[in-house]
């Protein structure tokens, strides 16, 4: 009883800190209603926010999961390498954004090698269970280059290693279906984007049709081995998010038909088929380049004063709430 009371008090305290809406009866009837956040007190899954040298978004990512009702713990990769069995204690693993190992030989390359190597068996066990994995920005790069995406549990992290640029795959390794490489503009890009949910089966995206989030990356462009890969992803509902045209006050939105590449900044990196996020065939893994942890409150949007909901939670919080609610 004491534990539940403390958890309720903690949730109320967090809600007050970031300005989440209170009970509906306490709202002014003259203000537009904001989305309501329900804290899942009955189930509070443990979340491993896995950081490495160079990770710099782990604190806000842990805060997002805590706000959504989870029990996050920031775990350093070195600690997990020493005791891989620690992974069994968690229900959600999130690899947050940043510049792991300085992206010295490519974004997420070193981090991904460590996941595929000494943590391969623990990850395979985690993937086989009814658990969730989220990769944000650099975390998405890590998941894709480790082989965790796009195959998920159906592809061993030890067996599908992506190659560095210009390197030929070993004879016993399969060439990867896709990788993330430099933006078409050749530089680090930080803008807000509009996204459309393409997969109704992905756990993290339930109840979301469109969402606006910020991106901040230099290597966010998805390239594929062949056009057949895109078709396979569509058939398996693995394309989770796509960039969409952004409304502009000064004129009409830019146009796009099907897979036609949207111009910058609608598609900020030139990713094929305007893909912003991928999932595995089960819908329990999501990797995305945009940062949902940077839109937890409505006032974090650059145009918040012109949007319908000027107070309350930001759209990004819904992804973390969906992950926590999966275990409710």
Protein backbone atom coordinates (compact mmCIF):
# COMPACT_ATOMS: atom_id res chain seq x y z
CA UNK A 1 0.00 0.00 0.00
CA UNK A 2 2.84 2.32 0.87
CA UNK A 3 4.55 1.50 -2.44
CA UNK A 4 1.44 2.37 -4.47
CA UNK A 5 0.96 5.61 -2.53
CA UNK A 6 4.57 6.62 -3.13
CA UNK A 7 4.25 5.81 -6.82
CA UNK A 8 1.09 7.93 -7.08
CA UNK A 9 2.79 10.78 -5.27
CA UNK A 10 5.81 10.50 -7.56
CA UNK A 11 3.63 10.59 -10.68
CA UNK A 12 1.77 13.66 -9.40
CA UNK A 13 5.08 15.36 -8.63
CA UNK A 14 6.45 14.60 -12.12
CA UNK A 15 3.21 15.79 -13.73
CA UNK A 16 3.50 19.05 -11.84
CA UNK A 17 7.13 19.54 -12.88
CA UNK A 18 6.42 19.36 -16.61
CA UNK A 19 2.93 20.84 -16.46
CA UNK A 20 0.83 17.83 -17.41
CA UNK A 21 -2.92 18.44 -17.21
CA UNK A 22 -4.66 17.73 -13.92
CA UNK A 23 -8.05 16.12 -13.56
CA UNK A 24 -10.51 17.20 -16.22
CA UNK A 25 -12.80 18.82 -13.63
CA UNK A 26 -10.02 21.22 -12.68
CA UNK A 27 -9.55 22.52 -16.22
CA UNK A 28 -10.97 25.79 -17.41
CA UNK A 29 -13.94 25.15 -19.66
CA UNK A 30 -12.80 27.98 -21.92
CA UNK A 31 -9.50 26.31 -22.78
CA UNK A 32 -9.20 23.65 -25.49
CA UNK A 33 -8.90 20.19 -24.00
CA UNK A 34 -5.41 18.69 -24.08
CA UNK A 35 -4.60 14.98 -24.36
CA UNK A 36 -4.97 13.16 -21.06
CA UNK A 37 -2.08 11.09 -19.73
CA UNK A 38 -3.01 8.00 -17.73
CA UNK A 39 -0.25 6.69 -15.49
CA UNK A 40 -0.28 2.87 -15.39
CA UNK A 41 0.10 2.28 -11.65
CA UNK A 42 -0.81 -1.40 -11.81
CA UNK A 43 2.15 -2.30 -14.02
CA UNK A 44 5.48 -0.51 -14.00
CA UNK A 45 7.96 -2.29 -16.27
CA UNK A 46 11.67 -1.95 -15.70
CA UNK A 47 13.43 -0.07 -18.50
CA UNK A 48 17.10 -0.43 -19.35
CA UNK A 49 18.30 2.85 -20.88
CA UNK A 50 21.52 1.49 -22.34
CA UNK A 51 24.26 4.10 -22.67
CA UNK A 52 27.80 3.97 -23.98
CA UNK A 53 30.69 6.44 -24.15
CA UNK A 54 29.35 9.39 -26.17
CA UNK A 55 25.65 8.77 -25.46
CA UNK A 56 24.11 12.11 -24.47
CA UNK A 57 20.33 11.65 -24.48
CA UNK A 58 20.03 9.01 -21.76
CA UNK A 59 18.91 11.36 -18.97
CA UNK A 60 15.93 12.83 -20.85
CA UNK A 61 15.03 9.41 -22.25
CA UNK A 62 14.94 7.94 -18.75
CA UNK A 63 12.84 10.91 -17.64
CA UNK A 64 10.38 10.23 -20.48
CA UNK A 65 9.91 6.61 -19.40
CA UNK A 66 9.57 7.67 -15.76
CA UNK A 67 6.96 10.25 -16.70
CA UNK A 68 5.04 7.57 -18.59
CA UNK A 69 4.99 5.33 -15.50
CA UNK A 70 7.97 3.06 -16.08
CA UNK A 71 10.96 2.32 -13.85
CA UNK A 72 13.98 3.35 -15.90
CA UNK A 73 17.58 2.65 -15.01
CA UNK A 74 20.50 4.13 -16.90
CA UNK A 75 22.84 1.20 -17.46
CA UNK A 76 26.33 1.66 -18.85
CA UNK A 77 27.31 -0.73 -21.60
CA UNK A 78 30.48 -1.73 -19.73
CA UNK A 79 28.39 -2.88 -16.78
CA UNK A 80 26.26 -5.03 -19.07
CA UNK A 81 29.36 -6.46 -20.75
CA UNK A 82 30.56 -7.57 -17.32
CA UNK A 83 27.20 -9.12 -16.41
CA UNK A 84 25.10 -9.84 -19.53
CA UNK A 85 22.49 -11.64 -17.40
CA UNK A 86 21.37 -8.24 -16.04
CA UNK A 87 19.35 -7.85 -19.23
CA UNK A 88 16.95 -10.53 -18.01
CA UNK A 89 15.75 -8.18 -15.24
CA UNK A 90 14.24 -5.68 -17.69
CA UNK A 91 11.10 -5.64 -19.83
CA UNK A 92 12.14 -2.75 -22.10
CA UNK A 93 15.52 -1.85 -23.56
CA UNK A 94 16.08 1.58 -25.05
CA UNK A 95 19.23 2.68 -26.84
CA UNK A 96 19.04 6.50 -26.73
CA UNK A 97 20.55 9.15 -28.98
CA UNK A 98 23.99 10.73 -28.97
CA UNK A 99 27.34 10.03 -30.57
CA UNK A 100 28.39 6.66 -29.18
CA UNK A 101 32.18 6.32 -29.32
CA UNK A 102 32.24 9.65 -31.13
CA UNK A 103 30.92 8.02 -34.33
CA UNK A 104 34.63 7.77 -35.15
CA UNK A 105 34.34 4.94 -37.68
CA UNK A 106 30.65 5.45 -38.44
CA UNK A 107 27.48 6.18 -36.48
CA UNK A 108 26.72 3.36 -34.06
CA UNK A 109 29.31 0.98 -35.54
CA UNK A 110 31.37 0.21 -32.41
CA UNK A 111 28.31 0.05 -30.14
CA UNK A 112 26.61 -2.37 -32.55
CA UNK A 113 29.66 -4.65 -32.65
CA UNK A 114 29.58 -4.97 -28.88
CA UNK A 115 25.89 -5.86 -28.92
CA UNK A 116 26.45 -8.54 -31.55
CA UNK A 117 29.48 -9.97 -29.80
CA UNK A 118 29.54 -10.56 -26.06
CA UNK A 119 25.90 -9.60 -25.62
CA UNK A 120 24.61 -11.67 -28.53
CA UNK A 121 23.18 -14.53 -26.47
CA UNK A 122 21.55 -12.25 -23.90
CA UNK A 123 19.99 -10.15 -26.64
CA UNK A 124 18.73 -13.22 -28.48
CA UNK A 125 17.06 -14.37 -25.26
CA UNK A 126 15.58 -10.92 -24.72
CA UNK A 127 14.28 -10.75 -28.30
CA UNK A 128 12.65 -14.18 -28.00
CA UNK A 129 10.66 -13.06 -24.96
CA UNK A 130 7.60 -10.82 -25.03
CA UNK A 131 9.65 -7.67 -24.46
CA UNK A 132 10.25 -4.34 -26.21
CA UNK A 133 13.25 -2.58 -27.75
CA UNK A 134 13.43 1.09 -28.77
CA UNK A 135 16.29 2.79 -30.61
CA UNK A 136 16.30 6.58 -30.98
CA UNK A 137 18.57 8.34 -33.51
CA UNK A 138 22.02 6.91 -32.69
CA UNK A 139 20.13 4.05 -31.03
CA UNK A 140 18.39 3.33 -34.34
CA UNK A 141 21.76 3.29 -36.06
CA UNK A 142 23.02 0.82 -33.45
CA UNK A 143 20.01 -1.51 -33.80
CA UNK A 144 20.21 -1.54 -37.60
CA UNK A 145 23.96 -2.11 -37.75
CA UNK A 146 23.76 -4.81 -35.07
CA UNK A 147 21.21 -6.74 -37.14
CA UNK A 148 18.49 -6.37 -34.49
CA UNK A 149 16.55 -4.44 -37.11
CA UNK A 150 14.95 -5.15 -39.43
CA UNK A 151 14.73 -8.88 -38.66
CA UNK A 152 14.19 -8.82 -34.90
CA UNK A 153 14.14 -12.19 -33.19
CA UNK A 154 14.09 -13.88 -36.59
CA UNK A 155 17.68 -12.78 -37.25
CA UNK A 156 20.48 -13.48 -34.79
CA UNK A 157 22.43 -10.35 -33.80
CA UNK A 158 25.57 -12.38 -34.38
CA UNK A 159 24.64 -13.35 -37.91
CA UNK A 160 23.66 -10.16 -39.73
CA UNK A 161 26.51 -7.72 -39.34
CA UNK A 162 26.48 -4.67 -41.61
CA UNK A 163 29.75 -3.72 -43.22
CA UNK A 164 31.60 -0.45 -43.07
CA UNK A 165 31.65 1.63 -46.21
CA UNK A 166 33.74 -0.03 -48.91
CA UNK A 167 34.23 -3.25 -46.95
CA UNK A 168 33.20 -6.55 -48.50
CA UNK A 169 31.17 -8.98 -46.37
CA UNK A 170 32.91 -12.10 -45.15
CA UNK A 171 32.03 -15.27 -46.96
CA UNK A 172 30.00 -16.56 -44.02
CA UNK A 173 28.11 -13.30 -43.49
CA UNK A 174 25.01 -12.15 -45.33
CA UNK A 175 25.03 -8.70 -46.88
CA UNK A 176 22.71 -6.42 -44.86
CA UNK A 177 19.40 -5.33 -46.33
CA UNK A 178 19.89 -1.72 -45.29
CA UNK A 179 22.03 0.76 -43.41
CA UNK A 180 21.96 4.39 -42.29
CA UNK A 181 24.43 6.71 -43.95
CA UNK A 182 25.19 10.40 -44.44
CA UNK A 183 22.39 12.88 -45.09
CA UNK A 184 22.12 13.99 -48.70
CA UNK A 185 23.17 17.50 -47.70
CA UNK A 186 26.35 16.05 -46.23
CA UNK A 187 26.05 17.74 -42.85
CA UNK A 188 24.49 17.57 -39.41
CA UNK A 189 20.86 18.67 -39.60
CA UNK A 190 18.51 19.73 -36.79
CA UNK A 191 14.91 20.55 -37.78
CA UNK A 192 11.36 19.63 -36.83
CA UNK A 193 9.57 17.14 -39.09
CA UNK A 194 6.07 15.84 -39.64
CA UNK A 195 5.65 12.07 -39.50
CA UNK A 196 2.96 9.65 -40.57
CA UNK A 197 2.52 6.28 -38.89
CA UNK A 198 2.66 3.53 -41.51
CA UNK A 199 2.41 0.43 -39.31
CA UNK A 200 -0.65 -0.21 -37.17
CA UNK A 201 1.01 -3.21 -35.51
CA UNK A 202 3.95 -1.43 -33.87
CA UNK A 203 3.46 -1.28 -30.10
CA UNK A 204 5.12 2.11 -29.66
CA UNK A 205 2.88 3.80 -32.24
CA UNK A 206 -0.55 2.60 -31.18
CA UNK A 207 -3.21 5.28 -31.36
CA UNK A 208 -0.99 7.67 -33.33
CA UNK A 209 -1.70 8.73 -36.92
CA UNK A 210 0.56 11.74 -37.33
CA UNK A 211 3.15 13.31 -35.07
CA UNK A 212 5.67 16.14 -35.18
CA UNK A 213 9.13 15.59 -33.68
CA UNK A 214 12.62 17.08 -33.94
CA UNK A 215 15.52 15.41 -35.73
CA UNK A 216 19.21 16.05 -35.09
CA UNK A 217 21.65 13.85 -36.98
CA UNK A 218 24.26 13.65 -39.72
CA UNK A 219 23.80 9.98 -40.71
CA UNK A 220 20.05 9.41 -40.92
CA UNK A 221 19.54 8.43 -44.55
CA UNK A 222 18.27 4.89 -45.04
CA UNK A 223 19.66 3.12 -48.08
CA UNK A 224 18.73 -0.43 -49.12
CA UNK A 225 20.47 -3.27 -50.93
CA UNK A 226 17.73 -3.48 -53.57
CA UNK A 227 14.20 -2.14 -54.22
CA UNK A 228 12.82 -5.54 -53.21
CA UNK A 229 13.75 -4.77 -49.61
CA UNK A 230 11.24 -1.91 -49.48
CA UNK A 231 8.48 -4.16 -50.82
CA UNK A 232 9.28 -6.84 -48.24
CA UNK A 233 9.14 -4.28 -45.45
CA UNK A 234 5.74 -3.12 -46.68
CA UNK A 235 4.36 -6.63 -46.84
CA UNK A 236 5.48 -7.23 -43.26
CA UNK A 237 4.31 -3.79 -42.02
CA UNK A 238 7.86 -2.92 -40.98
CA UNK A 239 7.95 0.64 -42.29
CA UNK A 240 6.84 2.29 -39.09
CA UNK A 241 7.14 6.03 -39.79
CA UNK A 242 7.54 8.17 -42.89
CA UNK A 243 8.29 11.84 -43.38
CA UNK A 244 5.35 13.90 -44.62
CA UNK A 245 5.05 17.41 -46.10
CA UNK A 246 5.14 20.16 -43.51
CA UNK A 247 2.39 22.82 -43.66
CA UNK A 248 3.80 26.28 -44.30
CA UNK A 249 2.02 29.53 -43.59
CA UNK A 250 3.53 31.26 -46.60
CA UNK A 251 2.28 28.76 -49.17
CA UNK A 252 1.10 25.23 -50.01
CA UNK A 253 2.92 22.17 -48.80
CA UNK A 254 5.43 20.39 -50.97
CA UNK A 255 4.03 17.42 -52.84
CA UNK A 256 4.92 13.73 -52.93
CA UNK A 257 3.35 10.74 -54.60
CA UNK A 258 4.02 7.36 -53.04
CA UNK A 259 7.76 6.84 -52.79
CA UNK A 260 8.71 10.13 -54.46
CA UNK A 261 11.43 11.73 -52.41
CA UNK A 262 10.25 14.73 -50.43
CA UNK A 263 12.50 17.79 -50.60
CA UNK A 264 14.44 19.20 -47.66
CA UNK A 265 13.39 19.94 -44.93
CA UNK A 266 10.29 17.71 -45.20
CA UNK A 267 12.63 14.77 -45.64
CA UNK A 268 15.67 16.07 -43.78
CA UNK A 269 18.15 13.39 -44.86
CA UNK A 270 17.01 12.01 -48.23
CA UNK A 271 16.01 8.63 -46.80
CA UNK A 272 14.62 6.26 -49.43
CA UNK A 273 10.79 6.11 -49.58
CA UNK A 274 10.83 8.94 -46.99
CA UNK A 275 11.36 6.35 -44.23
CA UNK A 276 11.88 7.81 -40.74
CA UNK A 277 11.49 4.63 -38.68
CA UNK A 278 11.51 0.85 -38.97
CA UNK A 279 10.06 -1.96 -36.90
CA UNK A 280 10.54 -5.71 -36.75
CA UNK A 281 7.86 -8.11 -38.06
CA UNK A 282 6.34 -8.53 -34.55
CA UNK A 283 5.92 -4.80 -33.91
CA UNK A 284 7.82 -5.03 -30.60
CA UNK A 285 10.96 -3.25 -31.84
CA UNK A 286 11.10 0.31 -33.14
CA UNK A 287 14.00 2.34 -34.47
CA UNK A 288 13.48 5.95 -35.49
CA UNK A 289 15.67 8.93 -36.31
CA UNK A 290 13.42 11.63 -34.73
CA UNK A 291 13.60 12.30 -30.98
CA UNK A 292 10.31 11.69 -29.11
CA UNK A 293 12.02 12.39 -25.76
CA UNK A 294 12.48 16.01 -26.88
CA UNK A 295 8.74 16.64 -27.14
CA UNK A 296 7.35 15.71 -23.73
CA UNK A 297 5.62 19.05 -23.16
CA UNK A 298 3.62 21.13 -25.60
CA UNK A 299 5.81 24.20 -25.03
CA UNK A 300 8.82 22.37 -26.50
CA UNK A 301 7.32 22.74 -29.98
CA UNK A 302 8.77 25.78 -31.81
CA UNK A 303 5.24 26.92 -32.79
CA UNK A 304 3.54 26.01 -29.51
CA UNK A 305 1.75 29.36 -29.20
CA UNK A 306 -0.01 28.75 -32.53
CA UNK A 307 -1.01 25.16 -31.90
CA UNK A 308 -4.44 24.08 -30.53
CA UNK A 309 -3.01 22.74 -27.26
CA UNK A 310 -0.77 25.31 -25.62
CA UNK A 311 -0.34 23.33 -22.43
CA UNK A 312 -0.15 19.70 -21.43
CA UNK A 313 1.94 16.80 -22.74
CA UNK A 314 3.82 16.83 -26.00
CA UNK A 315 3.16 14.30 -28.72
CA UNK A 316 6.38 12.39 -28.11
CA UNK A 317 5.27 11.20 -24.67
CA UNK A 318 2.70 8.91 -26.27
CA UNK A 319 5.40 6.55 -27.55
CA UNK A 320 6.75 5.99 -24.05
CA UNK A 321 3.27 5.63 -22.59
CA UNK A 322 2.44 2.97 -25.19
CA UNK A 323 5.56 1.01 -24.23
CA UNK A 324 4.70 1.08 -20.53
CA UNK A 325 1.01 0.33 -21.15
CA UNK A 326 1.97 -2.81 -23.12
CA UNK A 327 2.75 -4.47 -19.79
CA UNK A 328 -0.44 -3.24 -18.08
